Amino acid sequence: MALNFPNPSRSYDAARHCVCFWGYDNAREVAFQVSDNLLLRLSQEVASEEAAFLATFDRHRERILLLAKNIYTPGARNT
């Protein structure tokens, strides 16, 4: 089974300056992070606050998930 993202949950981690989300490789949960710097480059907004980062992530979700699938290595410790 390939990596999939059945859980739409995501959260902003202010200490690490990233949005965190999770995928699944069979029964194994895999954590991913998208830096707020990348989200600022994707965004048309200048706001750098939690709500703006989460909104940008949501607008670009499909693109971000595709990138996560492309960089994921099964069995490796990915972040």
N, C-alpha and C. Protein backbone atom coordinates (compact mmCIF):
# COMPACT_ATOMS: atom_id res chain seq x y z
N MET A 1 0.84 -1.18 0.00
CA MET A 1 0.00 0.00 0.00
C MET A 1 0.89 1.24 0.00
N ALA A 2 0.54 2.21 -0.79
CA ALA A 2 1.31 3.44 -0.90
C ALA A 2 0.96 4.38 0.26
N LEU A 3 1.80 5.37 0.40
CA LEU A 3 1.56 6.41 1.39
C LEU A 3 0.24 7.11 1.08
N ASN A 4 -0.59 7.30 2.12
CA ASN A 4 -1.84 8.02 1.91
C ASN A 4 -2.10 8.96 3.08
N PHE A 5 -3.06 9.84 2.89
CA PHE A 5 -3.34 10.89 3.85
C PHE A 5 -4.84 10.93 4.16
N PRO A 6 -5.36 9.92 4.86
CA PRO A 6 -6.79 9.88 5.14
C PRO A 6 -7.23 10.88 6.21
N ASN A 7 -6.30 11.35 7.01
CA ASN A 7 -6.61 12.26 8.10
C ASN A 7 -6.29 13.69 7.67
N PRO A 8 -7.31 14.56 7.57
CA PRO A 8 -7.06 15.93 7.12
C PRO A 8 -6.46 16.84 8.20
N SER A 9 -6.20 16.31 9.38
CA SER A 9 -5.67 17.13 10.47
C SER A 9 -4.32 17.72 10.14
N ARG A 10 -4.12 18.93 10.62
CA ARG A 10 -2.83 19.61 10.53
C ARG A 10 -2.80 20.59 11.67
N SER A 11 -1.60 20.95 12.10
CA SER A 11 -1.48 21.91 13.20
C SER A 11 -0.23 22.75 12.99
N TYR A 12 -0.27 23.94 13.57
CA TYR A 12 0.89 24.82 13.47
C TYR A 12 1.73 24.68 14.73
N ASP A 13 3.02 24.47 14.56
CA ASP A 13 3.95 24.37 15.67
C ASP A 13 4.81 25.64 15.66
N ALA A 14 4.47 26.57 16.56
CA ALA A 14 5.16 27.86 16.60
C ALA A 14 6.62 27.71 17.02
N ALA A 15 6.91 26.74 17.86
CA ALA A 15 8.29 26.54 18.33
C ALA A 15 9.20 26.07 17.20
N ARG A 16 8.66 25.26 16.29
CA ARG A 16 9.46 24.75 15.16
C ARG A 16 9.19 25.50 13.87
N HIS A 17 8.28 26.47 13.91
CA HIS A 17 7.95 27.30 12.74
C HIS A 17 7.54 26.45 11.54
N CYS A 18 6.53 25.59 11.77
CA CYS A 18 6.08 24.72 10.68
C CYS A 18 4.64 24.26 10.91
N VAL A 19 4.03 23.80 9.82
CA VAL A 19 2.75 23.12 9.90
C VAL A 19 3.06 21.63 9.86
N CYS A 20 2.48 20.91 10.80
CA CYS A 20 2.67 19.46 10.89
C CYS A 20 1.44 18.75 10.36
N PHE A 21 1.65 17.64 9.66
CA PHE A 21 0.55 16.80 9.20
C PHE A 21 1.05 15.37 9.14
N TRP A 22 0.13 14.42 8.98
CA TRP A 22 0.47 13.02 9.10
C TRP A 22 -0.08 12.21 7.94
N GLY A 23 0.72 11.24 7.53
CA GLY A 23 0.31 10.30 6.51
C GLY A 23 0.46 8.90 7.06
N TYR A 24 0.03 7.91 6.28
CA TYR A 24 0.11 6.53 6.72
C TYR A 24 0.68 5.66 5.62
N ASP A 25 1.64 4.84 6.00
CA ASP A 25 2.23 3.83 5.13
C ASP A 25 1.84 2.50 5.76
N ASN A 26 0.80 1.88 5.21
CA ASN A 26 0.13 0.75 5.86
C ASN A 26 -0.34 1.22 7.23
N ALA A 27 0.07 0.57 8.30
CA ALA A 27 -0.38 0.97 9.64
C ALA A 27 0.59 1.94 10.30
N ARG A 28 1.68 2.26 9.64
CA ARG A 28 2.70 3.13 10.21
C ARG A 28 2.35 4.60 9.97
N GLU A 29 2.29 5.37 11.05
CA GLU A 29 2.03 6.80 10.94
C GLU A 29 3.35 7.52 10.64
N VAL A 30 3.30 8.43 9.69
CA VAL A 30 4.49 9.16 9.26
C VAL A 30 4.21 10.66 9.44
N ALA A 31 5.08 11.33 10.19
CA ALA A 31 4.92 12.76 10.45
C ALA A 31 5.64 13.57 9.36
N PHE A 32 5.00 14.65 8.95
CA PHE A 32 5.58 15.57 7.97
C PHE A 32 5.50 16.98 8.52
N GLN A 33 6.39 17.82 8.04
CA GLN A 33 6.41 19.23 8.42
C GLN A 33 6.63 20.09 7.18
N VAL A 34 5.94 21.22 7.13
CA VAL A 34 6.16 22.21 6.08
C VAL A 34 6.56 23.50 6.79
N SER A 35 7.73 24.02 6.46
CA SER A 35 8.23 25.21 7.14
C SER A 35 7.36 26.42 6.83
N ASP A 36 7.31 27.32 7.79
CA ASP A 36 6.53 28.53 7.55
C ASP A 36 7.17 29.40 6.46
N ASN A 37 8.47 29.27 6.25
CA ASN A 37 9.12 30.00 5.15
C ASN A 37 8.58 29.55 3.79
N LEU A 38 8.40 28.24 3.62
CA LEU A 38 7.84 27.74 2.37
C LEU A 38 6.39 28.21 2.22
N LEU A 39 5.64 28.17 3.29
CA LEU A 39 4.25 28.61 3.23
C LEU A 39 4.14 30.10 2.91
N LEU A 40 5.06 30.90 3.43
CA LEU A 40 5.07 32.32 3.09
C LEU A 40 5.33 32.54 1.60
N ARG A 41 6.21 31.72 1.02
CA ARG A 41 6.48 31.84 -0.42
C ARG A 41 5.28 31.43 -1.26
N LEU A 42 4.48 30.47 -0.76
CA LEU A 42 3.28 30.03 -1.48
C LEU A 42 2.12 31.00 -1.32
N SER A 43 2.14 31.77 -0.26
CA SER A 43 1.02 32.62 0.11
C SER A 43 1.02 33.93 -0.65
N GLN A 44 -0.17 34.45 -0.84
CA GLN A 44 -0.32 35.78 -1.40
C GLN A 44 -0.45 36.81 -0.28
N GLU A 45 -0.50 36.31 0.95
CA GLU A 45 -0.66 37.17 2.11
C GLU A 45 0.70 37.51 2.71
N VAL A 46 0.73 38.56 3.50
CA VAL A 46 1.97 38.92 4.19
C VAL A 46 1.89 38.56 5.67
N ALA A 47 0.71 38.11 6.12
CA ALA A 47 0.54 37.75 7.53
C ALA A 47 1.36 36.51 7.86
N SER A 48 2.05 36.57 8.97
CA SER A 48 2.83 35.40 9.41
C SER A 48 2.33 34.99 10.79
N GLU A 49 1.11 34.49 10.80
CA GLU A 49 0.50 34.03 12.04
C GLU A 49 -0.13 32.66 11.78
N GLU A 50 -0.46 31.98 12.85
CA GLU A 50 -0.97 30.61 12.75
C GLU A 50 -2.12 30.46 11.76
N ALA A 51 -3.13 31.28 11.86
CA ALA A 51 -4.29 31.16 10.98
C ALA A 51 -3.91 31.31 9.50
N ALA A 52 -3.00 32.22 9.22
CA ALA A 52 -2.56 32.44 7.83
C ALA A 52 -1.77 31.25 7.32
N PHE A 53 -0.90 30.67 8.15
CA PHE A 53 -0.13 29.50 7.73
C PHE A 53 -1.04 28.30 7.46
N LEU A 54 -2.02 28.09 8.34
CA LEU A 54 -2.95 26.97 8.15
C LEU A 54 -3.81 27.18 6.91
N ALA A 55 -4.24 28.41 6.67
CA ALA A 55 -5.04 28.70 5.48
C ALA A 55 -4.23 28.47 4.20
N THR A 56 -2.97 28.87 4.22
CA THR A 56 -2.10 28.65 3.06
C THR A 56 -1.89 27.16 2.84
N PHE A 57 -1.65 26.42 3.92
CA PHE A 57 -1.51 24.96 3.81
C PHE A 57 -2.77 24.37 3.17
N ASP A 58 -3.93 24.78 3.64
CA ASP A 58 -5.19 24.24 3.11
C ASP A 58 -5.37 24.56 1.64
N ARG A 59 -5.01 25.77 1.22
CA ARG A 59 -5.15 26.15 -0.19
C ARG A 59 -4.23 25.33 -1.09
N HIS A 60 -3.09 24.92 -0.56
CA HIS A 60 -2.10 24.19 -1.36
C HIS A 60 -1.96 22.73 -0.92
N ARG A 61 -2.95 22.22 -0.22
CA ARG A 61 -2.90 20.87 0.34
C ARG A 61 -2.51 19.81 -0.70
N GLU A 62 -3.19 19.77 -1.82
CA GLU A 62 -2.93 18.73 -2.82
C GLU A 62 -1.48 18.79 -3.31
N ARG A 63 -0.99 19.96 -3.55
CA ARG A 63 0.40 20.14 -4.00
C ARG A 63 1.39 19.68 -2.93
N ILE A 64 1.11 20.04 -1.68
CA ILE A 64 1.98 19.66 -0.55
C ILE A 64 1.97 18.15 -0.34
N LEU A 65 0.78 17.53 -0.41
CA LEU A 65 0.69 16.08 -0.23
C LEU A 65 1.41 15.34 -1.35
N LEU A 66 1.31 15.84 -2.57
CA LEU A 66 2.03 15.22 -3.69
C LEU A 66 3.53 15.31 -3.47
N LEU A 67 4.00 16.46 -3.01
CA LEU A 67 5.43 16.61 -2.71
C LEU A 67 5.84 15.65 -1.61
N ALA A 68 5.02 15.52 -0.56
CA ALA A 68 5.33 14.59 0.53
C ALA A 68 5.44 13.16 0.01
N LYS A 69 4.52 12.76 -0.86
CA LYS A 69 4.58 11.42 -1.44
C LYS A 69 5.86 11.22 -2.25
N ASN A 70 6.28 12.25 -2.97
CA ASN A 70 7.47 12.15 -3.81
C ASN A 70 8.77 12.08 -3.02
N ILE A 71 8.81 12.72 -1.85
CA ILE A 71 10.06 12.71 -1.09
C ILE A 71 10.10 11.63 -0.02
N TYR A 72 8.97 10.98 0.23
CA TYR A 72 8.90 9.94 1.26
C TYR A 72 9.69 8.71 0.84
N THR A 73 10.45 8.17 1.78
CA THR A 73 11.18 6.93 1.56
C THR A 73 10.66 5.89 2.56
N PRO A 74 10.01 4.83 2.08
CA PRO A 74 9.46 3.83 3.00
C PRO A 74 10.54 3.24 3.92
N GLY A 75 10.19 3.11 5.17
CA GLY A 75 11.10 2.51 6.14
C GLY A 75 12.09 3.48 6.75
N ALA A 76 12.32 4.61 6.10
CA ALA A 76 13.28 5.59 6.63
C ALA A 76 12.59 6.49 7.64
N ARG A 77 13.38 7.14 8.46
CA ARG A 77 12.83 8.13 9.40
C ARG A 77 12.69 9.44 8.65
N ASN A 78 11.49 9.70 8.20
CA ASN A 78 11.21 10.91 7.43
C ASN A 78 10.60 11.97 8.33
N THR A 79 10.90 13.21 8.06
CA THR A 79 10.23 14.33 8.70
C THR A 79 10.08 15.42 7.66
